[in-house]
Amino acid sequence: MIEIERLTKAYGGTTVVDEVSFTVERGSITVVVGTSGSGKSTLLRMINRLVEPSAGRVRIDGRDTAKEPAHLLRRRIGYVIQGNGLFPHRTVAQNVATVPRLLGWDETRIAVRVRELLELLQLDPRDYADKFPHQLSGGQQQRVGVARALAAEPAVVLMDEPFGALDPIIRAKAQQDLLEVRRRYGTTVVVVTHDMDEAFRLGDRVAVMSRGRVLQYDRPAALLTRPADPFVTQLTGVADRALRLLSLRRAAEVATASSPSDPPIGNTARVREDASLRDVLSELLWSGSPAAAVVDAEGRTLGWLTVAAILAQARAS
């Protein structure tokens, strides 16, 4: 758990983060979103003390971070930045092993951990462990950066615009990788982004910042249906509200609860159980199918969804 209490940062007479307070639950993903200059990156860097607060405090699992040497604090907090920050003269395996070596892990434990993370992020160690960063694509470099942040088994990972430079297809894959990391390890993650779609896809809770203050800290659906400030309404997008609400619901949630006892007549599309209702609606409209079969990882049909059923969910929201 991360407790942020009246955290403030001022440079001269300018306050860039102004008495921010919120709590990040253990094992959750919190996304901090806002326009450029809102203070979101400065807030993130005060958690691991890359920026020292002017006032306020941060507690991680009840421990005041100000009472711990900064370099030791950073070794137990993963940190990912846009552009990955890999050491160009080190191989992929050496980059990932950076913090475990600083912590004095033995070589066998390091090798096992490096292999585990590369496999998790779909970078076959046989192909990638001995390559250098310049031999990788941008998306591969970013995944190595994530692996390095996770290498020492941190309870907390901070990510500052980690996927901003990636193209849409690779970005979606990187976001899915992050969700799998959280599911596999129960890592507590704080992500900074300016992209509301990314915030809604990743965040269990989202903090909306403007001019150094948090205007609202809530679940994505609450930001859409009960915005606390006109800026929150503007940032979340009035015109896209219904579609964004659909993006928060998974196909399996609705299909298993509302499917008819008999399959629909006609050719049905097939969608994964973790697809959003927004994605299913898009598939149905594009394919012209009367319904979509929602299938699990083994290809078993869990239920069906129709356009009418999806629109009913949008109206109910």
Protein backbone atom coordinates (compact mmCIF):
# COMPACT_ATOMS: atom_id res chain seq x y z
CA MET A 1 0.00 0.00 0.00
CA ILE A 2 1.18 3.52 -0.83
CA GLU A 3 -0.14 6.36 1.32
CA ILE A 4 0.43 9.84 -0.10
CA GLU A 5 -0.27 12.54 2.47
CA ARG A 6 -0.40 16.27 1.60
CA LEU A 7 2.55 15.85 -0.75
CA THR A 8 3.86 19.18 -2.02
CA LYS A 9 6.69 20.35 -4.25
CA ALA A 10 7.61 23.98 -4.80
CA TYR A 11 10.39 25.52 -6.86
CA GLY A 12 10.95 29.06 -5.64
CA GLY A 13 7.56 30.70 -5.67
CA THR A 14 5.97 28.10 -7.98
CA THR A 15 4.10 25.14 -6.50
CA VAL A 16 4.02 22.27 -9.00
CA VAL A 17 2.40 19.68 -6.69
CA ASP A 18 0.00 21.09 -4.13
CA GLU A 19 -0.97 19.06 -1.04
CA VAL A 20 -1.87 15.88 -2.88
CA SER A 21 -3.32 13.02 -0.80
CA PHE A 22 -4.58 9.59 -1.85
CA THR A 23 -3.98 5.91 -1.10
CA VAL A 24 -2.95 3.23 -3.58
CA GLU A 25 -4.19 -0.18 -2.49
CA ARG A 26 -1.79 -3.11 -2.47
CA GLY A 27 -1.85 -5.10 -5.73
CA SER A 28 -3.77 -2.41 -7.65
CA ILE A 29 -2.93 -0.23 -10.63
CA THR A 30 -3.41 3.50 -10.11
CA VAL A 31 -3.10 5.82 -13.10
CA VAL A 32 -2.28 9.51 -12.70
CA VAL A 33 -3.54 11.47 -15.68
CA GLY A 34 -3.49 15.11 -16.65
CA THR A 35 -2.30 17.60 -19.24
CA SER A 36 1.33 18.65 -19.62
CA GLY A 37 2.48 20.69 -16.64
CA SER A 38 -0.16 19.29 -14.28
CA GLY A 39 2.49 17.93 -11.89
CA LYS A 40 1.88 14.23 -12.48
CA SER A 41 5.49 13.23 -13.24
CA THR A 42 6.81 15.27 -10.31
CA LEU A 43 4.31 13.52 -8.05
CA LEU A 44 5.49 10.12 -9.28
CA ARG A 45 9.17 10.98 -8.71
CA MET A 46 8.49 12.05 -5.15
CA ILE A 47 7.32 8.51 -4.36
CA ASN A 48 10.83 7.12 -4.94
CA ARG A 49 12.52 10.42 -4.00
CA LEU A 50 14.05 11.17 -7.34
CA VAL A 51 12.46 14.50 -6.42
CA GLU A 52 12.52 15.41 -2.72
CA PRO A 53 9.17 16.72 -1.42
CA SER A 54 8.93 20.25 -0.04
CA ALA A 55 6.26 19.05 2.38
CA GLY A 56 4.07 16.04 3.11
CA ARG A 57 5.08 12.40 3.19
CA VAL A 58 4.83 9.04 1.49
CA ARG A 59 4.44 5.74 3.33
CA ILE A 60 4.92 2.38 1.63
CA ASP A 61 3.47 -0.50 3.64
CA GLY A 62 3.44 1.81 6.65
CA ARG A 63 7.11 2.87 6.36
CA ASP A 64 7.88 6.57 5.93
CA THR A 65 10.09 6.78 2.83
CA ALA A 66 11.86 9.88 4.18
CA LYS A 67 13.42 7.76 6.94
CA GLU A 68 15.21 5.46 4.49
CA PRO A 69 18.33 6.31 2.43
CA ALA A 70 17.11 7.31 -1.02
CA HIS A 71 19.37 4.90 -2.92
CA LEU A 72 18.14 1.95 -0.86
CA LEU A 73 14.53 3.03 -1.32
CA ARG A 74 14.95 3.08 -5.10
CA ARG A 75 16.41 -0.41 -5.16
CA ARG A 76 13.15 -1.82 -3.80
CA ILE A 77 10.90 0.23 -6.13
CA GLY A 78 10.79 -0.59 -9.84
CA TYR A 79 10.93 2.41 -12.16
CA VAL A 80 10.11 2.56 -15.88
CA ILE A 81 10.40 5.65 -18.06
CA GLN A 82 9.43 6.48 -21.62
CA GLY A 83 12.34 5.51 -23.84
CA ASN A 84 13.26 2.65 -21.46
CA GLY A 85 16.64 4.07 -20.27
CA LEU A 86 18.54 0.85 -20.98
CA PHE A 87 22.33 0.76 -20.68
CA PRO A 88 23.48 0.61 -24.34
CA HIS A 89 26.74 -1.23 -23.58
CA ARG A 90 25.02 -4.05 -21.65
CA THR A 91 23.15 -7.01 -23.06
CA VAL A 92 19.46 -7.57 -22.40
CA ALA A 93 20.27 -10.10 -19.66
CA GLN A 94 22.79 -7.74 -18.05
CA ASN A 95 20.30 -4.86 -18.14
CA VAL A 96 17.59 -6.93 -16.47
CA ALA A 97 20.06 -8.16 -13.83
CA THR A 98 21.18 -4.65 -12.80
CA VAL A 99 19.34 -4.28 -9.48
CA PRO A 100 19.61 -7.94 -8.35
CA ARG A 101 23.39 -7.63 -8.74
CA LEU A 102 23.41 -4.43 -6.69
CA LEU A 103 21.48 -6.33 -4.02
CA GLY A 104 24.02 -9.15 -4.02
CA TRP A 105 21.91 -11.95 -5.46
CA ASP A 106 23.85 -15.07 -6.47
CA GLU A 107 24.28 -15.72 -10.19
CA THR A 108 21.98 -18.75 -10.27
CA ARG A 109 19.09 -16.80 -8.75
CA ILE A 110 19.72 -13.92 -11.15
CA ALA A 111 19.75 -16.22 -14.19
CA VAL A 112 16.47 -17.84 -13.15
CA ARG A 113 14.80 -14.47 -12.60
CA VAL A 114 16.04 -13.02 -15.91
CA ARG A 115 14.76 -16.04 -17.82
CA GLU A 116 11.40 -15.94 -16.02
CA LEU A 117 10.80 -12.27 -16.86
CA LEU A 118 11.92 -12.48 -20.48
CA GLU A 119 9.58 -15.43 -21.01
CA LEU A 120 6.72 -13.59 -19.31
CA LEU A 121 7.19 -10.63 -21.64
CA GLN A 122 7.50 -12.92 -24.68
CA LEU A 123 11.18 -12.28 -25.31
CA ASP A 124 12.64 -15.77 -25.77
CA PRO A 125 15.89 -15.79 -23.73
CA ARG A 126 17.58 -17.91 -26.39
CA ASP A 127 17.01 -15.14 -28.92
CA TYR A 128 17.20 -11.98 -26.82
CA ALA A 129 19.31 -12.47 -23.67
CA ASP A 130 22.62 -11.73 -25.42
CA LYS A 131 21.43 -8.94 -27.70
CA PHE A 132 22.22 -5.27 -27.11
CA PRO A 133 19.50 -2.59 -26.93
CA HIS A 134 20.30 -1.20 -30.39
CA GLN A 135 19.46 -4.62 -31.87
CA LEU A 136 15.88 -4.46 -30.54
CA SER A 137 12.76 -2.70 -31.75
CA GLY A 138 11.31 0.11 -29.67
CA GLY A 139 8.61 -2.15 -28.27
CA GLN A 140 11.15 -4.83 -27.35
CA GLN A 141 13.34 -2.26 -25.62
CA GLN A 142 10.36 -1.06 -23.59
CA ARG A 143 9.55 -4.62 -22.50
CA VAL A 144 13.16 -5.10 -21.40
CA GLY A 145 12.78 -1.90 -19.38
CA VAL A 146 9.73 -3.38 -17.67
CA ALA A 147 11.63 -6.62 -16.99
CA ARG A 148 14.48 -4.65 -15.42
CA ALA A 149 12.04 -2.79 -13.17
CA LEU A 150 10.57 -6.10 -11.99
CA ALA A 151 13.84 -8.00 -11.64
CA ALA A 152 14.39 -7.52 -7.89
CA GLU A 153 10.80 -8.58 -7.12
CA PRO A 154 9.67 -5.10 -6.01
CA ALA A 155 6.32 -4.70 -4.31
CA VAL A 156 5.91 -1.32 -6.06
CA VAL A 157 6.58 -0.28 -9.67
CA LEU A 158 6.38 3.33 -10.91
CA MET A 159 5.93 3.99 -14.62
CA ASP A 160 6.29 7.45 -16.21
CA GLU A 161 4.65 7.59 -19.66
CA PRO A 162 6.04 4.10 -20.34
CA PHE A 163 4.17 3.43 -23.59
CA GLY A 164 3.89 6.92 -25.04
CA ALA A 165 6.43 6.40 -27.85
CA LEU A 166 5.02 3.08 -29.05
CA ASP A 167 2.75 2.59 -32.06
CA PRO A 168 -0.88 1.60 -31.29
CA ILE A 169 -0.48 -2.15 -31.87
CA ILE A 170 2.68 -2.51 -29.77
CA ARG A 171 1.24 -0.17 -27.15
CA ALA A 172 -1.82 -2.38 -26.72
CA LYS A 173 0.44 -5.42 -26.29
CA ALA A 174 2.57 -3.60 -23.72
CA GLN A 175 -0.54 -2.62 -21.77
CA GLN A 176 -1.67 -6.26 -21.78
CA ASP A 177 1.79 -7.29 -20.55
CA LEU A 178 1.42 -4.90 -17.61
CA LEU A 179 -1.98 -6.33 -16.68
CA GLU A 180 -0.48 -9.83 -16.80
CA VAL A 181 2.41 -8.73 -14.56
CA ARG A 182 -0.05 -7.42 -11.98
CA ARG A 183 -2.09 -10.62 -12.19
CA ARG A 184 0.96 -12.88 -11.90
CA TYR A 185 2.89 -11.09 -9.15
CA GLY A 186 0.33 -8.89 -7.36
CA THR A 187 2.57 -5.87 -7.94
CA THR A 188 1.33 -2.43 -6.88
CA VAL A 189 1.71 -0.13 -9.90
CA VAL A 190 1.46 3.64 -10.35
CA VAL A 191 1.39 4.81 -13.98
CA VAL A 192 1.59 8.38 -15.28
CA THR A 193 -0.02 9.08 -18.66
CA HIS A 194 -1.84 11.79 -20.57
CA ASP A 195 -3.94 9.22 -22.47
CA MET A 196 -7.44 8.71 -21.01
CA ASP A 197 -8.06 5.51 -22.97
CA GLU A 198 -4.88 4.07 -21.48
CA ALA A 199 -5.91 5.27 -18.02
CA PHE A 200 -9.29 3.56 -18.29
CA ARG A 201 -7.84 0.34 -19.67
CA LEU A 202 -5.18 -0.03 -16.98
CA GLY A 203 -6.44 1.74 -13.89
CA ASP A 204 -8.32 0.25 -10.98
CA ARG A 205 -8.41 3.87 -9.86
CA VAL A 206 -7.50 7.06 -11.71
CA ALA A 207 -6.23 10.35 -10.26
CA VAL A 208 -7.01 13.37 -12.45
CA MET A 209 -4.53 16.21 -11.92
CA SER A 210 -4.59 19.85 -12.97
CA ARG A 211 -2.30 22.68 -11.83
CA GLY A 212 -0.64 20.53 -9.22
CA ARG A 213 -3.81 19.31 -7.50
CA VAL A 214 -5.81 16.09 -7.70
CA LEU A 215 -9.32 17.03 -8.76
CA GLN A 216 -10.76 13.52 -8.46
CA TYR A 217 -9.46 10.11 -7.45
CA ASP A 218 -11.92 7.37 -8.24
CA ARG A 219 -12.77 4.29 -10.27
CA PRO A 220 -12.95 4.87 -14.04
CA ALA A 221 -16.72 4.41 -14.20
CA ALA A 222 -17.23 7.04 -11.49
CA LEU A 223 -15.09 9.56 -13.41
CA LEU A 224 -17.41 9.09 -16.39
CA THR A 225 -20.75 9.05 -14.59
CA ARG A 226 -20.03 11.32 -11.60
CA PRO A 227 -17.25 13.78 -12.56
CA ALA A 228 -16.35 16.03 -9.63
CA ASP A 229 -15.11 18.97 -11.69
CA PRO A 230 -15.73 20.47 -15.16
CA PHE A 231 -12.10 19.72 -16.05
CA VAL A 232 -12.67 16.03 -15.29
CA THR A 233 -15.69 16.09 -17.61
CA GLN A 234 -13.61 17.74 -20.34
CA LEU A 235 -10.70 15.34 -19.95
CA THR A 236 -12.79 12.17 -19.93
CA GLY A 237 -14.73 13.31 -23.01
CA VAL A 238 -18.46 13.95 -23.05
CA ALA A 239 -18.96 12.71 -26.62
CA ASP A 240 -17.18 9.40 -25.96
CA ARG A 241 -18.71 8.69 -22.56
CA ALA A 242 -20.97 5.80 -23.59
CA LEU A 243 -18.22 4.07 -25.58
CA ARG A 244 -15.71 4.51 -22.76
CA LEU A 245 -18.17 2.95 -20.32
CA LEU A 246 -18.45 -0.02 -22.66
CA SER A 247 -14.65 -0.31 -22.67
CA LEU A 248 -14.74 -0.94 -18.90
CA ARG A 249 -16.85 -4.11 -19.12
CA ARG A 250 -15.46 -7.48 -20.21
CA ALA A 251 -17.38 -9.68 -22.65
CA ALA A 252 -17.44 -12.65 -20.30
CA GLU A 253 -19.14 -10.65 -17.53
CA VAL A 254 -22.15 -9.90 -19.69
CA ALA A 255 -22.28 -12.97 -21.95
CA THR A 256 -22.46 -15.47 -19.11
CA ALA A 257 -25.19 -13.48 -17.38
CA SER A 258 -27.43 -12.63 -20.33
CA SER A 259 -26.98 -15.37 -22.95
CA PRO A 260 -30.09 -17.15 -24.29
CA SER A 261 -30.34 -20.89 -23.73
CA ASP A 262 -30.02 -21.55 -27.48
CA PRO A 263 -27.32 -20.07 -29.73
CA PRO A 264 -28.40 -17.32 -32.14
CA ILE A 265 -29.30 -18.28 -35.68
CA GLY A 266 -26.76 -17.33 -38.36
CA ASN A 267 -23.01 -16.98 -38.55
CA THR A 268 -21.59 -15.62 -35.33
CA ALA A 269 -18.35 -13.76 -34.79
CA ARG A 270 -15.92 -15.04 -32.15
CA VAL A 271 -14.37 -12.82 -29.47
CA ARG A 272 -12.13 -13.50 -26.48
CA GLU A 273 -13.64 -13.49 -23.00
CA ASP A 274 -11.42 -10.57 -21.96
CA ALA A 275 -12.48 -8.38 -24.92
CA SER A 276 -14.27 -5.19 -23.91
CA LEU A 277 -17.90 -4.62 -24.85
CA ARG A 278 -16.66 -1.73 -26.98
CA ASP A 279 -14.45 -4.12 -28.97
CA VAL A 280 -17.29 -6.65 -29.33
CA LEU A 281 -19.68 -3.95 -30.58
CA SER A 282 -17.08 -2.86 -33.14
CA GLU A 283 -16.64 -6.46 -34.33
CA LEU A 284 -20.39 -7.01 -34.69
CA LEU A 285 -20.92 -3.78 -36.63
CA TRP A 286 -17.95 -4.51 -38.92
CA SER A 287 -18.76 -8.16 -39.60
CA GLY A 288 -22.54 -7.80 -39.78
CA SER A 289 -22.91 -10.91 -37.59
CA PRO A 290 -26.13 -11.22 -35.57
CA ALA A 291 -24.16 -12.22 -32.47
CA ALA A 292 -20.67 -12.85 -31.15
CA ALA A 293 -19.67 -16.08 -29.44
CA VAL A 294 -17.58 -15.29 -26.36
CA VAL A 295 -14.87 -17.95 -25.99
CA ASP A 296 -12.31 -18.76 -23.30
CA ALA A 297 -8.62 -19.51 -23.77
CA GLU A 298 -9.42 -23.11 -24.76
CA GLY A 299 -11.94 -21.99 -27.38
CA ARG A 300 -15.01 -23.05 -25.39
CA THR A 301 -18.10 -20.90 -25.86
CA LEU A 302 -19.14 -19.11 -22.67
CA GLY A 303 -22.16 -17.33 -24.16
CA TRP A 304 -23.25 -14.89 -26.83
CA LEU A 305 -23.56 -11.16 -27.22
CA THR A 306 -25.73 -9.17 -29.59
CA VAL A 307 -25.74 -5.47 -30.46
CA ALA A 308 -29.00 -5.09 -28.53
CA ALA A 309 -27.51 -6.68 -25.41
CA ILE A 310 -24.45 -4.42 -25.55
CA LEU A 311 -26.52 -1.25 -26.06
CA ALA A 312 -28.69 -2.28 -23.11
CA GLN A 313 -25.55 -2.36 -20.98
CA ALA A 314 -24.60 1.13 -22.19
CA ARG A 315 -28.04 2.49 -21.26
CA ALA A 316 -27.91 0.78 -17.85
CA SER A 317 -24.59 2.50 -17.10
